[in-house]
Amino acid sequence: MYSQNEGVSPLREQREQEETRTAKTRRIYSDQLLRWSVALLMLALIATGAWGYGEYRGRQLAINYLEGERQRAFYNLLHNVENMELNLAKSMVAGSPSQTLLHLTQAWRYAESATSDLGGIPMGHTTLLRTGTFLNQTGDYALSLARTVSRGSTLTSDEKEDLIGLHQQAAELGLALHELREKLEDTGHRWSTLQVRGEHSYNAIELDDGIVGMSSIEKHLTEYPTLIYDGAFSDHVFDFEPRGLTGAHVSEERAQERVRELLSEVDQGELTVEKVSEVRGTIPAYTFTAVAGGKQYWLDLSKKGGHLVWMNTGIEPAEATLSLEEARDAAAAFAEAVGYTQLHPLFTHREGNRAVTNFVVEQEGVLLYPDQVKVLVSLEDGAILGIDASSYLMAHTDRSIGKPQISEEDALSRVNPALTPTETHLALIPRDCLEEVLSWEIRGTMGDNEFIVYINAQTGEEEQIFQLIPVEGGYLTQ
């Protein structure tokens, strides 16, 4: 007889062998899986590194482009300020009306160009407020004196004294710009990084590194002459009380809440808001910086009524996928959402991958040109990048316009017969020194050129003439 244990031994041995083979197979599979996992992980790391390097390269290219644009604007600003100062000096010593007229006109042109260049300097607009005012007034005053000379009159002793004062301040501004350029080069700061950090951080950089920056330049412009003359930038014009500011005074806390409400119209992302300064002057305002959805915004909110005066992001869209019509519709919707209504779009033109739409108020079929709003829209995704409603807030009010004394047919008969009219309607246009004139706006062509002629609707006199310069999606006027 055999025992029970002896009978099961072969089965147990077979089972143990199978378990051994299974364990070995599992170890082999586990080792293969580990090797594949390591290989896939390495591939993922390589792919991530390649993507990160591509993103880095793309960002560096964008930063380098931005840096080039800002440097170009700064050097153009320096060039134009120096030439403005030179022509102011020449106009002071010119002995003939023709030379005086030439150099005053040149000074005006360089001041206009410098004002445009100033917009390309990546500082908060409150930092540059005095510099911009100085350039605007200097250019406009030079043009006003040029008109005086062109009519056969000579400059008075007071006007010559004003020119001396403006020339001295222009020379100071040029020297300060040279000093800023040298300091930036010595410390290695880049305009592109200052653009991202914004005005508040820039002031801190000045303190840390001893840079004589734009806020220091402003100090050179605190005592230039008070200019009272027949021009749009005369000092008495700046004393004008804004007519579009309605409502009670708002506290800083309420203004901050208002910023949140306004930005909810353009971005639904997580929002942080910080007050950075206050604006004194014609439209007293709080200046805020805010971050929403990864974008940084700078805003001015009026202390009276909490109106959105100005907003900007500084974003340069990478591409354009939207039409100008789509951008115009987005601009109109945003302007209405933040409280600017009855707007009529004048034109939308492209600036890089952004679209700028100019609006005016339309009242009873009359276009009110003093009441303007500009809105900046990304052509990449339709995002609102900026708004400037300062002109609207300065001028807007319900007006008693009255009826024209000159008919449309009579107005058409008063333009040059060589002009072929294409469009006519009523418009309220601004004169210098804040006066407004109801006029017939007559748009027409002469050869290959297009013009707008304004005929006074009460007297029939020719008020203004502009040539239209075609740009993508609209026109610029000269």
Protein backbone atom coordinates (compact mmCIF):
# COMPACT_ATOMS: atom_id res chain seq x y z
CA MET A 1 0.00 0.00 0.00
CA TYR A 2 1.08 3.64 -0.56
CA SER A 3 0.38 6.64 1.60
CA GLN A 4 -1.83 9.64 0.62
CA ASN A 5 1.14 12.08 0.73
CA GLU A 6 3.04 10.03 -1.81
CA GLY A 7 0.03 10.15 -4.17
CA VAL A 8 -0.15 13.98 -4.36
CA SER A 9 3.53 14.80 -4.61
CA PRO A 10 3.68 14.85 -8.45
CA LEU A 11 0.70 17.26 -8.62
CA ARG A 12 2.24 19.61 -6.09
CA GLU A 13 5.54 19.56 -7.93
CA GLN A 14 3.78 20.36 -11.19
CA ARG A 15 1.86 23.22 -9.57
CA GLU A 16 5.04 24.66 -8.07
CA GLN A 17 6.73 24.55 -11.46
CA GLU A 18 3.80 26.40 -13.04
CA GLU A 19 3.87 29.01 -10.30
CA THR A 20 7.60 29.42 -10.84
CA ARG A 21 7.10 29.92 -14.59
CA THR A 22 4.26 32.38 -13.93
CA ALA A 23 6.36 34.39 -11.49
CA LYS A 24 9.23 34.45 -13.97
CA THR A 25 6.87 35.61 -16.74
CA ARG A 26 5.51 38.34 -14.48
CA ARG A 27 9.02 39.49 -13.63
CA ILE A 28 9.89 39.63 -17.33
CA TYR A 29 6.68 41.56 -18.10
CA SER A 30 7.30 43.88 -15.15
CA ASP A 31 10.85 44.52 -16.31
CA GLN A 32 9.64 45.23 -19.86
CA LEU A 33 6.89 47.50 -18.53
CA LEU A 34 9.43 49.36 -16.43
CA ARG A 35 11.74 49.79 -19.41
CA TRP A 36 8.84 51.02 -21.59
CA SER A 37 7.71 53.40 -18.84
CA VAL A 38 11.21 54.81 -18.49
CA ALA A 39 11.46 55.17 -22.28
CA LEU A 40 8.07 56.91 -22.50
CA LEU A 41 8.99 59.15 -19.60
CA MET A 42 12.23 60.09 -21.34
CA LEU A 43 10.35 60.81 -24.55
CA ALA A 44 7.84 62.93 -22.64
CA LEU A 45 10.66 64.86 -20.98
CA ILE A 46 12.35 65.40 -24.33
CA ALA A 47 9.05 66.54 -25.92
CA THR A 48 8.33 68.83 -22.97
CA GLY A 49 11.81 70.27 -23.18
CA ALA A 50 11.46 70.86 -26.91
CA TRP A 51 8.06 72.51 -26.41
CA GLY A 52 9.41 74.62 -23.54
CA TYR A 53 12.39 75.68 -25.63
CA GLY A 54 10.06 76.56 -28.49
CA GLU A 55 7.91 78.63 -26.13
CA TYR A 56 11.02 80.27 -24.72
CA ARG A 57 12.32 81.08 -28.18
CA GLY A 58 8.94 82.47 -29.22
CA ARG A 59 8.75 84.59 -26.09
CA GLN A 60 12.30 85.84 -26.58
CA LEU A 61 11.53 86.80 -30.18
CA ALA A 62 8.42 88.68 -29.03
CA ILE A 63 10.37 90.42 -26.26
CA ASN A 64 13.17 91.36 -28.65
CA TYR A 65 10.62 92.74 -31.13
CA LEU A 66 8.95 94.75 -28.36
CA GLU A 67 12.33 96.00 -27.19
CA GLY A 68 13.18 97.13 -30.71
CA GLU A 69 9.88 98.99 -31.07
CA ARG A 70 10.30 100.76 -27.72
CA GLN A 71 13.89 101.73 -28.46
CA ARG A 72 12.84 103.05 -31.85
CA ALA A 73 10.10 105.17 -30.22
CA PHE A 74 12.51 106.51 -27.61
CA TYR A 75 15.24 107.46 -30.08
CA ASN A 76 12.67 109.04 -32.41
CA LEU A 77 11.35 111.01 -29.42
CA LEU A 78 14.87 112.21 -28.63
CA HIS A 79 15.50 113.12 -32.30
CA ASN A 80 12.23 115.05 -32.63
CA VAL A 81 12.65 116.93 -29.33
CA GLU A 82 16.14 118.03 -30.39
CA ASN A 83 14.87 119.22 -33.77
CA MET A 84 11.93 121.01 -32.15
CA GLU A 85 14.36 122.81 -29.85
CA LEU A 86 16.63 123.68 -32.80
CA ASN A 87 13.81 125.19 -34.84
CA LEU A 88 12.50 127.16 -31.87
CA ALA A 89 15.99 128.63 -31.56
CA LYS A 90 16.14 129.47 -35.28
CA SER A 91 12.70 131.12 -35.18
CA MET A 92 13.98 133.38 -32.37
CA VAL A 93 16.88 134.71 -34.45
CA ALA A 94 15.21 134.72 -37.89
CA GLY A 95 15.21 138.21 -39.42
CA SER A 96 12.63 137.70 -42.16
CA PRO A 97 8.97 136.65 -42.01
CA SER A 98 9.62 133.77 -44.44
CA GLN A 99 12.36 132.25 -42.25
CA THR A 100 10.34 132.82 -39.07
CA LEU A 101 7.35 131.10 -40.66
CA LEU A 102 9.50 128.20 -41.90
CA HIS A 103 11.08 127.43 -38.52
CA LEU A 104 7.89 127.88 -36.50
CA THR A 105 6.15 125.43 -38.84
CA GLN A 106 9.05 122.99 -38.53
CA ALA A 107 8.95 123.27 -34.73
CA TRP A 108 5.24 122.41 -34.84
CA ARG A 109 5.85 119.36 -37.03
CA TYR A 110 8.62 118.01 -34.79
CA ALA A 111 6.46 118.59 -31.69
CA GLU A 112 3.63 116.62 -33.33
CA SER A 113 5.99 113.76 -34.13
CA ALA A 114 7.44 113.79 -30.61
CA THR A 115 3.94 113.57 -29.13
CA SER A 116 3.28 110.51 -31.26
CA ASP A 117 6.60 108.92 -30.21
CA LEU A 118 5.77 109.55 -26.56
CA GLY A 119 2.89 107.09 -26.87
CA GLY A 120 5.41 104.34 -27.64
CA ILE A 121 7.34 104.83 -24.38
CA PRO A 122 6.23 102.07 -21.95
CA MET A 123 5.41 104.25 -18.97
CA GLY A 124 2.07 104.85 -17.34
CA HIS A 125 0.37 107.77 -19.02
CA THR A 126 0.12 109.68 -15.74
CA THR A 127 3.93 109.73 -15.52
CA LEU A 128 4.11 111.36 -18.97
CA LEU A 129 1.17 113.74 -18.55
CA ARG A 130 3.24 116.90 -18.15
CA THR A 131 5.63 115.96 -20.95
CA GLY A 132 2.72 115.32 -23.32
CA THR A 133 1.08 118.62 -22.37
CA PHE A 134 4.34 120.48 -22.95
CA LEU A 135 4.82 118.98 -26.41
CA ASN A 136 1.18 119.61 -27.39
CA GLN A 137 1.24 123.21 -26.20
CA THR A 138 4.64 123.99 -27.70
CA GLY A 139 3.65 122.63 -31.10
CA ASP A 140 0.25 124.27 -31.11
CA TYR A 141 1.69 127.60 -29.95
CA ALA A 142 4.33 127.50 -32.69
CA LEU A 143 1.60 126.86 -35.26
CA SER A 144 -0.49 129.71 -33.87
CA LEU A 145 2.48 132.09 -34.18
CA ALA A 146 3.12 130.82 -37.72
CA ARG A 147 -0.46 131.76 -38.64
CA THR A 148 0.13 135.21 -37.18
CA VAL A 149 3.27 135.67 -39.29
CA SER A 150 1.53 134.33 -42.42
CA ARG A 151 -1.11 137.06 -42.09
CA GLY A 152 1.61 139.73 -42.23
CA SER A 153 1.79 140.48 -38.51
CA THR A 154 4.99 140.50 -36.44
CA LEU A 155 5.55 138.75 -33.14
CA THR A 156 4.99 140.81 -30.00
CA SER A 157 7.58 141.09 -27.24
CA ASP A 158 5.48 138.82 -25.02
CA GLU A 159 5.30 136.17 -27.75
CA LYS A 160 9.08 136.34 -28.20
CA GLU A 161 9.52 135.90 -24.44
CA ASP A 162 7.25 132.86 -24.59
CA LEU A 163 9.42 131.38 -27.34
CA ILE A 164 12.53 131.89 -25.23
CA GLY A 165 10.92 130.10 -22.29
CA LEU A 166 9.70 127.21 -24.44
CA HIS A 167 13.11 126.86 -26.06
CA GLN A 168 14.80 126.65 -22.66
CA GLN A 169 12.39 123.95 -21.51
CA ALA A 170 12.84 122.03 -24.77
CA ALA A 171 16.61 122.09 -24.25
CA GLU A 172 16.15 120.81 -20.67
CA LEU A 173 13.90 118.02 -21.93
CA GLY A 174 16.47 116.97 -24.52
CA LEU A 175 19.25 116.84 -21.93
CA ALA A 176 17.08 114.81 -19.55
CA LEU A 177 16.26 112.32 -22.33
CA HIS A 178 19.98 111.92 -23.07
CA GLU A 179 20.64 111.28 -19.39
CA LEU A 180 17.86 108.70 -19.24
CA ARG A 181 19.28 106.89 -22.26
CA GLU A 182 22.75 106.74 -20.69
CA LYS A 183 21.42 105.52 -17.34
CA LEU A 184 19.39 102.76 -18.97
CA GLU A 185 22.43 101.63 -20.96
CA ASP A 186 24.68 101.68 -17.87
CA THR A 187 22.25 99.70 -15.68
CA GLY A 188 21.17 97.25 -18.38
CA HIS A 189 17.44 97.89 -18.00
CA ARG A 190 15.30 97.07 -21.04
CA TRP A 191 12.20 98.95 -22.17
CA SER A 192 10.38 95.65 -22.71
CA THR A 193 10.70 94.68 -19.04
CA LEU A 194 9.60 98.15 -17.93
CA GLN A 195 6.56 97.74 -20.20
CA VAL A 196 5.53 94.59 -18.34
CA ARG A 197 6.23 95.97 -14.87
CA GLY A 198 4.30 99.16 -15.44
CA GLU A 199 4.54 102.66 -13.99
CA HIS A 200 4.43 101.69 -10.31
CA SER A 201 7.34 99.26 -10.64
CA TYR A 202 9.24 101.72 -12.79
CA ASN A 203 9.22 104.30 -10.02
CA ALA A 204 10.62 101.66 -7.65
CA ILE A 205 13.37 100.87 -10.15
CA GLU A 206 14.27 104.56 -10.20
CA LEU A 207 14.73 104.54 -6.45
CA ASP A 208 16.69 101.28 -6.41
CA ASP A 209 19.05 102.01 -9.25
CA GLY A 210 19.19 105.79 -9.22
CA ILE A 211 17.85 106.06 -12.77
CA VAL A 212 16.78 109.53 -13.81
CA GLY A 213 13.54 108.49 -15.48
CA MET A 214 10.53 110.05 -17.08
CA SER A 215 9.09 111.12 -13.73
CA SER A 216 12.30 113.07 -13.15
CA ILE A 217 12.04 114.54 -16.63
CA GLU A 218 8.59 115.80 -15.68
CA LYS A 219 10.21 117.94 -12.97
CA HIS A 220 11.98 119.93 -15.68
CA LEU A 221 8.62 120.96 -17.11
CA THR A 222 6.94 122.51 -14.10
CA GLU A 223 7.65 126.15 -14.88
CA TYR A 224 7.27 126.74 -18.59
CA PRO A 225 5.28 129.83 -19.67
CA THR A 226 1.53 130.07 -19.28
CA LEU A 227 0.26 130.30 -22.85
CA ILE A 228 -2.95 132.19 -23.62
CA TYR A 229 -3.59 132.25 -27.35
CA ASP A 230 -6.11 131.27 -30.02
CA GLY A 231 -5.45 127.54 -30.03
CA ALA A 232 -6.75 124.19 -28.91
CA PHE A 233 -4.02 123.74 -26.27
CA SER A 234 -4.15 127.21 -24.76
CA ASP A 235 -3.95 127.12 -20.96
CA HIS A 236 -7.39 128.65 -20.55
CA VAL A 237 -8.81 125.75 -22.58
CA PHE A 238 -7.46 123.35 -19.95
CA ASP A 239 -9.43 125.20 -17.29
CA PHE A 240 -12.64 124.13 -19.01
CA GLU A 241 -15.03 122.20 -16.77
CA PRO A 242 -15.80 118.72 -18.16
CA ARG A 243 -19.43 118.51 -19.24
CA GLY A 244 -19.68 114.72 -19.48
CA LEU A 245 -18.89 113.98 -15.84
CA THR A 246 -22.18 113.14 -14.17
CA GLY A 247 -23.01 111.71 -10.76
CA ALA A 248 -21.67 112.13 -7.25
CA HIS A 249 -18.12 111.75 -5.98
CA VAL A 250 -17.09 108.12 -5.60
CA SER A 251 -14.81 106.83 -2.86
CA GLU A 252 -11.68 104.84 -3.56
CA GLU A 253 -13.44 101.67 -2.35
CA ARG A 254 -16.42 102.25 -4.62
CA ALA A 255 -14.10 103.02 -7.53
CA GLN A 256 -12.35 99.70 -6.96
CA GLU A 257 -15.71 97.91 -7.04
CA ARG A 258 -16.51 99.76 -10.25
CA VAL A 259 -13.24 98.52 -11.81
CA ARG A 260 -14.32 94.96 -11.04
CA GLU A 261 -17.70 95.59 -12.66
CA LEU A 262 -16.12 97.07 -15.78
CA LEU A 263 -13.54 94.33 -16.22
CA SER A 264 -16.24 91.69 -15.91
CA GLU A 265 -17.37 92.98 -19.31
CA VAL A 266 -14.06 91.98 -20.92
CA ASP A 267 -12.69 89.08 -18.86
CA GLN A 268 -14.31 86.42 -16.69
CA GLY A 269 -11.04 85.22 -15.14
CA GLU A 270 -9.84 85.64 -11.58
CA LEU A 271 -9.47 89.34 -10.82
CA THR A 272 -7.14 91.35 -8.58
CA VAL A 273 -7.25 95.16 -8.38
CA GLU A 274 -4.76 97.62 -6.85
CA LYS A 275 -4.79 101.41 -6.74
CA VAL A 276 -1.43 102.84 -7.83
CA SER A 277 -1.95 106.61 -7.98
CA GLU A 278 -4.36 109.48 -8.53
CA VAL A 279 -4.73 111.84 -11.48
CA ARG A 280 -5.04 115.56 -10.83
CA GLY A 281 -6.15 117.98 -13.49
CA THR A 282 -9.14 118.46 -15.71
CA ILE A 283 -10.60 115.01 -15.01
CA PRO A 284 -9.54 113.99 -11.47
CA ALA A 285 -9.34 110.20 -11.35
CA TYR A 286 -8.07 107.12 -9.55
CA THR A 287 -5.48 105.05 -11.39
CA PHE A 288 -5.72 101.29 -10.91
CA THR A 289 -3.80 98.29 -12.13
CA ALA A 290 -5.66 95.01 -12.38
CA VAL A 291 -4.94 91.44 -13.42
CA ALA A 292 -7.78 89.43 -14.94
CA GLY A 293 -7.46 86.14 -16.80
CA GLY A 294 -3.67 86.51 -16.91
CA LYS A 295 -3.85 89.98 -18.51
CA GLN A 296 -2.73 93.19 -16.83
CA TYR A 297 -4.88 96.29 -17.22
CA TRP A 298 -4.26 99.94 -16.33
CA LEU A 299 -7.35 102.07 -15.81
CA ASP A 300 -8.36 105.61 -14.87
CA LEU A 301 -11.73 105.99 -13.16
CA SER A 302 -13.09 109.51 -12.67
CA LYS A 303 -13.62 110.58 -9.07
CA LYS A 304 -16.88 112.19 -10.09
CA GLY A 305 -19.38 109.58 -11.21
CA GLY A 306 -16.91 106.70 -11.51
CA HIS A 307 -16.67 106.92 -15.32
CA LEU A 308 -14.09 104.87 -17.20
CA VAL A 309 -11.77 107.56 -18.60
CA TRP A 310 -8.98 105.41 -20.00
CA MET A 311 -7.90 101.78 -20.10
CA ASN A 312 -4.98 99.97 -21.68
CA THR A 313 -3.32 96.56 -21.57
CA GLY A 314 -0.18 96.99 -23.68
CA ILE A 315 -0.82 93.58 -25.25
CA GLU A 316 0.54 92.97 -28.76
CA PRO A 317 -1.63 90.24 -30.39
CA ALA A 318 0.37 87.57 -32.22
CA GLU A 319 -1.93 87.30 -35.24
CA ALA A 320 -5.11 88.63 -36.84
CA THR A 321 -8.05 86.28 -37.41
CA LEU A 322 -11.03 88.67 -37.13
CA SER A 323 -12.32 91.14 -39.70
CA LEU A 324 -12.38 94.86 -39.00
CA GLU A 325 -16.18 94.71 -39.01
CA GLU A 326 -16.14 92.10 -36.24
CA ALA A 327 -13.71 94.23 -34.26
CA ARG A 328 -15.93 97.30 -34.72
CA ASP A 329 -18.97 95.40 -33.42
CA ALA A 330 -16.99 94.24 -30.37
CA ALA A 331 -15.85 97.82 -29.74
CA ALA A 332 -19.40 99.17 -29.98
CA ALA A 333 -20.75 96.52 -27.60
CA PHE A 334 -18.06 97.28 -25.01
CA ALA A 335 -18.50 101.07 -25.23
CA GLU A 336 -22.23 100.71 -24.63
CA ALA A 337 -21.69 98.21 -21.79
CA VAL A 338 -19.49 100.69 -19.89
CA GLY A 339 -21.94 103.58 -20.31
CA TYR A 340 -21.14 105.31 -23.63
CA THR A 341 -24.29 105.31 -25.76
CA GLN A 342 -25.70 106.93 -28.93
CA LEU A 343 -22.38 106.32 -30.63
CA HIS A 344 -21.87 106.41 -34.38
CA PRO A 345 -18.75 104.64 -35.75
CA LEU A 346 -16.65 106.93 -37.92
CA PHE A 347 -14.11 104.36 -39.09
CA THR A 348 -12.09 101.37 -37.95
CA HIS A 349 -8.48 101.04 -38.98
CA ARG A 350 -5.81 98.45 -38.31
CA GLU A 351 -2.69 99.03 -36.24
CA GLY A 352 -0.62 95.84 -36.37
CA ASN A 353 -2.90 93.06 -35.13
CA ARG A 354 -5.18 95.51 -33.35
CA ALA A 355 -8.16 97.51 -34.58
CA VAL A 356 -8.96 101.08 -33.48
CA THR A 357 -12.55 102.27 -33.85
CA ASN A 358 -13.40 105.97 -33.52
CA PHE A 359 -16.92 106.79 -32.40
CA VAL A 360 -18.80 110.08 -32.10
CA VAL A 361 -22.17 110.78 -30.52
CA GLU A 362 -25.10 111.19 -32.91
CA GLN A 363 -27.92 113.47 -31.74
CA GLU A 364 -30.99 114.06 -33.91
CA GLY A 365 -29.05 112.99 -36.99
CA VAL A 366 -26.16 115.39 -36.28
CA LEU A 367 -22.68 113.99 -35.66
CA LEU A 368 -21.13 115.56 -32.56
CA TYR A 369 -17.41 115.49 -33.27
CA PRO A 370 -16.29 116.87 -29.88
CA ASP A 371 -17.86 113.81 -28.16
CA GLN A 372 -15.42 111.09 -29.23
CA VAL A 373 -14.62 107.62 -27.88
CA LYS A 374 -11.81 105.38 -29.16
CA VAL A 375 -11.79 101.62 -28.52
CA LEU A 376 -8.89 99.24 -29.16
CA VAL A 377 -9.69 95.59 -30.00
CA SER A 378 -7.47 92.55 -30.57
CA LEU A 379 -7.84 91.10 -34.07
CA GLU A 380 -6.60 87.79 -32.68
CA ASP A 381 -9.54 86.99 -30.39
CA GLY A 382 -11.75 90.09 -30.17
CA ALA A 383 -10.52 91.00 -26.68
CA ILE A 384 -10.90 94.63 -25.60
CA LEU A 385 -7.39 96.07 -25.22
CA GLY A 386 -8.14 99.70 -24.47
CA ILE A 387 -10.47 102.68 -24.49
CA ASP A 388 -10.03 106.46 -24.40
CA ALA A 389 -13.18 108.37 -23.47
CA SER A 390 -11.54 111.59 -22.25
CA SER A 391 -12.86 113.66 -25.17
CA TYR A 392 -16.40 112.36 -24.55
CA LEU A 393 -16.22 113.20 -20.84
CA MET A 394 -14.86 116.67 -21.59
CA ALA A 395 -17.49 117.62 -24.14
CA HIS A 396 -20.63 115.48 -23.91
CA THR A 397 -23.91 117.10 -23.00
CA ASP A 398 -27.39 117.32 -24.49
CA ARG A 399 -27.22 120.25 -26.89
CA SER A 400 -29.81 122.55 -28.36
CA ILE A 401 -28.52 122.38 -31.90
CA GLY A 402 -31.13 124.36 -33.81
CA LYS A 403 -31.87 124.32 -37.52
CA PRO A 404 -29.35 125.23 -40.23
CA GLN A 405 -29.85 128.56 -42.00
CA ILE A 406 -27.99 127.30 -45.06
CA SER A 407 -29.63 124.49 -47.00
CA GLU A 408 -27.76 121.41 -48.15
CA GLU A 409 -28.06 122.56 -51.78
CA ASP A 410 -26.71 126.00 -50.92
CA ALA A 411 -23.78 124.46 -49.03
CA LEU A 412 -22.95 122.22 -51.98
CA SER A 413 -22.91 125.24 -54.27
CA ARG A 414 -20.23 126.89 -52.11
CA VAL A 415 -17.55 124.20 -52.49
CA ASN A 416 -14.96 124.19 -55.24
CA PRO A 417 -16.61 122.98 -58.49
CA ALA A 418 -13.64 120.67 -59.05
CA LEU A 419 -14.73 118.63 -56.01
CA THR A 420 -17.22 115.87 -56.79
CA PRO A 421 -19.48 115.43 -53.70
CA THR A 422 -20.19 111.86 -52.59
CA GLU A 423 -21.78 112.27 -49.15
CA THR A 424 -23.31 115.12 -47.14
CA HIS A 425 -24.72 115.42 -43.62
CA LEU A 426 -24.83 117.78 -40.66
CA ALA A 427 -22.07 117.80 -38.05
CA LEU A 428 -21.15 119.82 -34.99
CA ILE A 429 -17.43 120.53 -35.25
CA PRO A 430 -15.05 122.14 -32.73
CA ARG A 431 -13.24 125.37 -33.35
CA ASP A 432 -10.22 126.40 -31.35
CA CYS A 433 -10.98 127.71 -27.86
CA LEU A 434 -13.91 125.31 -27.36
CA GLU A 435 -16.41 126.98 -29.69
CA GLU A 436 -18.67 124.57 -31.61
CA VAL A 437 -20.10 125.21 -35.06
CA LEU A 438 -22.98 123.48 -36.84
CA SER A 439 -21.72 122.69 -40.33
CA TRP A 440 -22.49 120.76 -43.46
CA GLU A 441 -19.93 118.00 -43.83
CA ILE A 442 -19.35 117.48 -47.55
CA ARG A 443 -17.24 114.53 -48.54
CA GLY A 444 -15.98 114.37 -52.10
CA THR A 445 -13.22 113.50 -54.53
CA MET A 446 -10.85 115.51 -56.69
CA GLY A 447 -8.87 113.28 -58.99
CA ASP A 448 -7.45 110.41 -56.98
CA ASN A 449 -7.71 112.29 -53.67
CA GLU A 450 -10.59 112.43 -51.21
CA PHE A 451 -11.48 115.43 -49.05
CA ILE A 452 -13.97 116.61 -46.44
CA VAL A 453 -15.10 120.24 -46.58
CA TYR A 454 -17.07 121.84 -43.74
CA ILE A 455 -19.44 124.68 -44.63
CA ASN A 456 -20.85 126.75 -41.76
CA ALA A 457 -24.59 125.93 -41.66
CA GLN A 458 -25.44 129.43 -40.39
CA THR A 459 -23.17 131.71 -42.44
CA GLY A 460 -22.16 129.59 -45.44
CA GLU A 461 -18.46 130.21 -44.80
CA GLU A 462 -15.90 127.49 -45.41
CA GLU A 463 -14.79 126.39 -41.93
CA GLN A 464 -12.30 123.56 -42.44
CA ILE A 465 -10.84 121.27 -45.10
CA PHE A 466 -9.33 117.82 -44.48
CA GLN A 467 -7.72 115.41 -46.86
CA LEU A 468 -8.55 111.75 -46.23
CA ILE A 469 -5.59 109.37 -46.24
CA PRO A 470 -6.72 105.76 -46.89
CA VAL A 471 -5.57 103.15 -44.39
CA GLU A 472 -6.79 99.59 -43.97
CA GLY A 473 -10.43 99.74 -42.92
CA GLY A 474 -10.80 103.52 -42.86
CA TYR A 475 -9.13 106.91 -43.18
CA LEU A 476 -6.82 109.27 -41.39
CA THR A 477 -7.22 113.02 -41.83
CA GLN A 478 -4.70 115.75 -42.54
